[in-house]
C-alpha atoms as a PDB file:
ATOM      1  CA  UNK A   1     -26.191  14.617 -12.708  1.00  0.00           C
ATOM      2  CA  UNK A   2     -24.186  17.775 -12.186  1.00  0.00           C
ATOM      3  CA  UNK A   3     -24.148  17.200  -8.412  1.00  0.00           C
ATOM      4  CA  UNK A   4     -23.123  13.488  -8.844  1.00  0.00           C
ATOM      5  CA  UNK A   5     -19.990  14.421 -10.810  1.00  0.00           C
ATOM      6  CA  UNK A   6     -18.687  16.934  -8.330  1.00  0.00           C
ATOM      7  CA  UNK A   7     -19.147  14.440  -5.371  1.00  0.00           C
ATOM      8  CA  UNK A   8     -17.180  11.549  -7.178  1.00  0.00           C
ATOM      9  CA  UNK A   9     -14.555  14.269  -8.224  1.00  0.00           C
ATOM     10  CA  UNK A  10     -14.405  15.369  -4.347  1.00  0.00           C
ATOM     11  CA  UNK A  11     -14.305  11.622  -3.246  1.00  0.00           C
ATOM     12  CA  UNK A  12     -11.344  10.874  -5.831  1.00  0.00           C
ATOM     13  CA  UNK A  13      -9.436  13.780  -4.502  1.00  0.00           C
ATOM     14  CA  UNK A  14      -9.633  12.771  -0.798  1.00  0.00           C
ATOM     15  CA  UNK A  15      -8.588   8.991  -1.721  1.00  0.00           C
ATOM     16  CA  UNK A  16      -5.586  10.078  -3.875  1.00  0.00           C
ATOM     17  CA  UNK A  17      -4.471  12.960  -1.552  1.00  0.00           C
ATOM     18  CA  UNK A  18      -3.868  16.542  -2.330  1.00  0.00           C
ATOM     19  CA  UNK A  19      -0.639  15.651  -4.167  1.00  0.00           C
ATOM     20  CA  UNK A  20       1.245  18.391  -2.362  1.00  0.00           C
ATOM     21  CA  UNK A  21       4.584  17.453  -0.958  1.00  0.00           C
ATOM     22  CA  UNK A  22       6.449  19.536   1.680  1.00  0.00           C
ATOM     23  CA  UNK A  23       8.964  22.191   0.667  1.00  0.00           C
ATOM     24  CA  UNK A  24      11.568  19.770   2.311  1.00  0.00           C
ATOM     25  CA  UNK A  25      10.602  17.034   0.237  1.00  0.00           C
ATOM     26  CA  UNK A  26      10.747  18.986  -3.128  1.00  0.00           C
ATOM     27  CA  UNK A  27      14.049  20.137  -2.376  1.00  0.00           C
ATOM     28  CA  UNK A  28      15.575  16.719  -1.496  1.00  0.00           C
ATOM     29  CA  UNK A  29      13.640  15.421  -4.406  1.00  0.00           C
ATOM     30  CA  UNK A  30      15.206  18.069  -6.516  1.00  0.00           C
ATOM     31  CA  UNK A  31      18.572  17.578  -5.338  1.00  0.00           C
ATOM     32  CA  UNK A  32      18.511  13.914  -5.605  1.00  0.00           C
ATOM     33  CA  UNK A  33      17.377  14.182  -9.108  1.00  0.00           C
ATOM     34  CA  UNK A  34      20.793  16.021  -9.948  1.00  0.00           C
ATOM     35  CA  UNK A  35      22.960  13.684  -7.517  1.00  0.00           C
ATOM     36  CA  UNK A  36      21.344  10.640  -8.761  1.00  0.00           C
ATOM     37  CA  UNK A  37      21.314  11.248 -12.380  1.00  0.00           C
ATOM     38  CA  UNK A  38      17.436  10.443 -12.298  1.00  0.00           C
ATOM     39  CA  UNK A  39      14.322  11.765 -13.402  1.00  0.00           C
ATOM     40  CA  UNK A  40      12.507  13.524 -10.126  1.00  0.00           C
ATOM     41  CA  UNK A  41       9.289  11.883 -10.746  1.00  0.00           C
ATOM     42  CA  UNK A  42      11.402   8.260  -9.791  1.00  0.00           C
ATOM     43  CA  UNK A  43      12.908   9.606  -6.771  1.00  0.00           C
ATOM     44  CA  UNK A  44      11.683   7.991  -3.494  1.00  0.00           C
ATOM     45  CA  UNK A  45      11.862   8.513   0.156  1.00  0.00           C
ATOM     46  CA  UNK A  46      12.796   5.175   1.540  1.00  0.00           C
ATOM     47  CA  UNK A  47      13.602   6.509   5.091  1.00  0.00           C
ATOM     48  CA  UNK A  48      12.073   9.692   6.634  1.00  0.00           C
ATOM     49  CA  UNK A  49      13.476  10.962   9.826  1.00  0.00           C
ATOM     50  CA  UNK A  50      13.201  14.476  11.089  1.00  0.00           C
ATOM     51  CA  UNK A  51      16.842  15.493  10.078  1.00  0.00           C
ATOM     52  CA  UNK A  52      17.835  12.844   7.825  1.00  0.00           C
ATOM     53  CA  UNK A  53      16.199  11.431   4.818  1.00  0.00           C
ATOM     54  CA  UNK A  54      17.197   8.448   2.588  1.00  0.00           C
ATOM     55  CA  UNK A  55      15.792   8.653  -0.926  1.00  0.00           C
ATOM     56  CA  UNK A  56      16.131   5.929  -3.819  1.00  0.00           C
ATOM     57  CA  UNK A  57      15.846   6.243  -7.694  1.00  0.00           C
ATOM     58  CA  UNK A  58      17.089   4.624 -10.523  1.00  0.00           C
ATOM     59  CA  UNK A  59      18.583   1.877  -8.881  1.00  0.00           C
ATOM     60  CA  UNK A  60      20.589   4.010  -6.291  1.00  0.00           C
ATOM     61  CA  UNK A  61      20.394   5.277  -3.072  1.00  0.00           C
ATOM     62  CA  UNK A  62      21.530   8.333  -1.214  1.00  0.00           C
ATOM     63  CA  UNK A  63      21.018   9.860   2.381  1.00  0.00           C
ATOM     64  CA  UNK A  64      20.582  13.532   3.032  1.00  0.00           C
ATOM     65  CA  UNK A  65      20.904  15.630   6.174  1.00  0.00           C
ATOM     66  CA  UNK A  66      19.601  18.975   7.327  1.00  0.00           C
ATOM     67  CA  UNK A  67      22.784  21.141   7.732  1.00  0.00           C
ATOM     68  CA  UNK A  68      23.317  24.941   8.516  1.00  0.00           C
ATOM     69  CA  UNK A  69      26.396  27.122   7.776  1.00  0.00           C
ATOM     70  CA  UNK A  70      26.967  30.255   9.252  1.00  0.00           C
ATOM     71  CA  UNK A  71      26.920  33.187   6.794  1.00  0.00           C
ATOM     72  CA  UNK A  72      28.177  36.833   6.776  1.00  0.00           C
ATOM     73  CA  UNK A  73      26.170  39.119   9.313  1.00  0.00           C
ATOM     74  CA  UNK A  74      25.533  36.225  11.533  1.00  0.00           C
ATOM     75  CA  UNK A  75      23.013  34.409   9.665  1.00  0.00           C
ATOM     76  CA  UNK A  76      22.621  30.938   8.581  1.00  0.00           C
ATOM     77  CA  UNK A  77      22.116  28.859   5.626  1.00  0.00           C
ATOM     78  CA  UNK A  78      20.283  25.745   5.851  1.00  0.00           C
ATOM     79  CA  UNK A  79      20.009  23.182   3.292  1.00  0.00           C
ATOM     80  CA  UNK A  80      19.469  19.473   2.652  1.00  0.00           C
ATOM     81  CA  UNK A  81      22.946  18.102   1.649  1.00  0.00           C
ATOM     82  CA  UNK A  82      23.871  14.553   0.599  1.00  0.00           C
ATOM     83  CA  UNK A  83      26.147  12.837   3.297  1.00  0.00           C
ATOM     84  CA  UNK A  84      29.660  12.955   2.085  1.00  0.00           C
ATOM     85  CA  UNK A  85      31.427   9.930   3.671  1.00  0.00           C
ATOM     86  CA  UNK A  86      31.980   6.077   2.931  1.00  0.00           C
ATOM     87  CA  UNK A  87      28.714   4.836   4.755  1.00  0.00           C
ATOM     88  CA  UNK A  88      26.753   6.888   2.026  1.00  0.00           C
ATOM     89  CA  UNK A  89      28.218   5.542  -1.329  1.00  0.00           C
ATOM     90  CA  UNK A  90      25.809   5.694  -4.231  1.00  0.00           C
ATOM     91  CA  UNK A  91      24.659   2.027  -4.549  1.00  0.00           C
END
C-alpha cells in the first residue's frame, strides 16, 4: 500500500511539474506585482523572448527588457526593467 502511495505521488509530481520558476521569471513576477499593483500569483508571462518578457496581471500588461548599466569599478548591474516609452503604456 505504501509503495502504491509513493508511485501516485511521484506521478502527480511529474504531471504537475516541479513548480520551480527560473530566477528571471521570479524577478519579473516580483517587479510586475509592484508595477501593475497586482498580486504576484496573478502575474502571467504572455510573451517570453530571450531578452524581453511581456507580462499580464489584473487586467493590465507591461513589457520588461533585460538591461545592463555600468557601475563604478568597471562592473555591470543587469536587471529586468519595464520598457518606458509610449508603446508600453499600462493597458
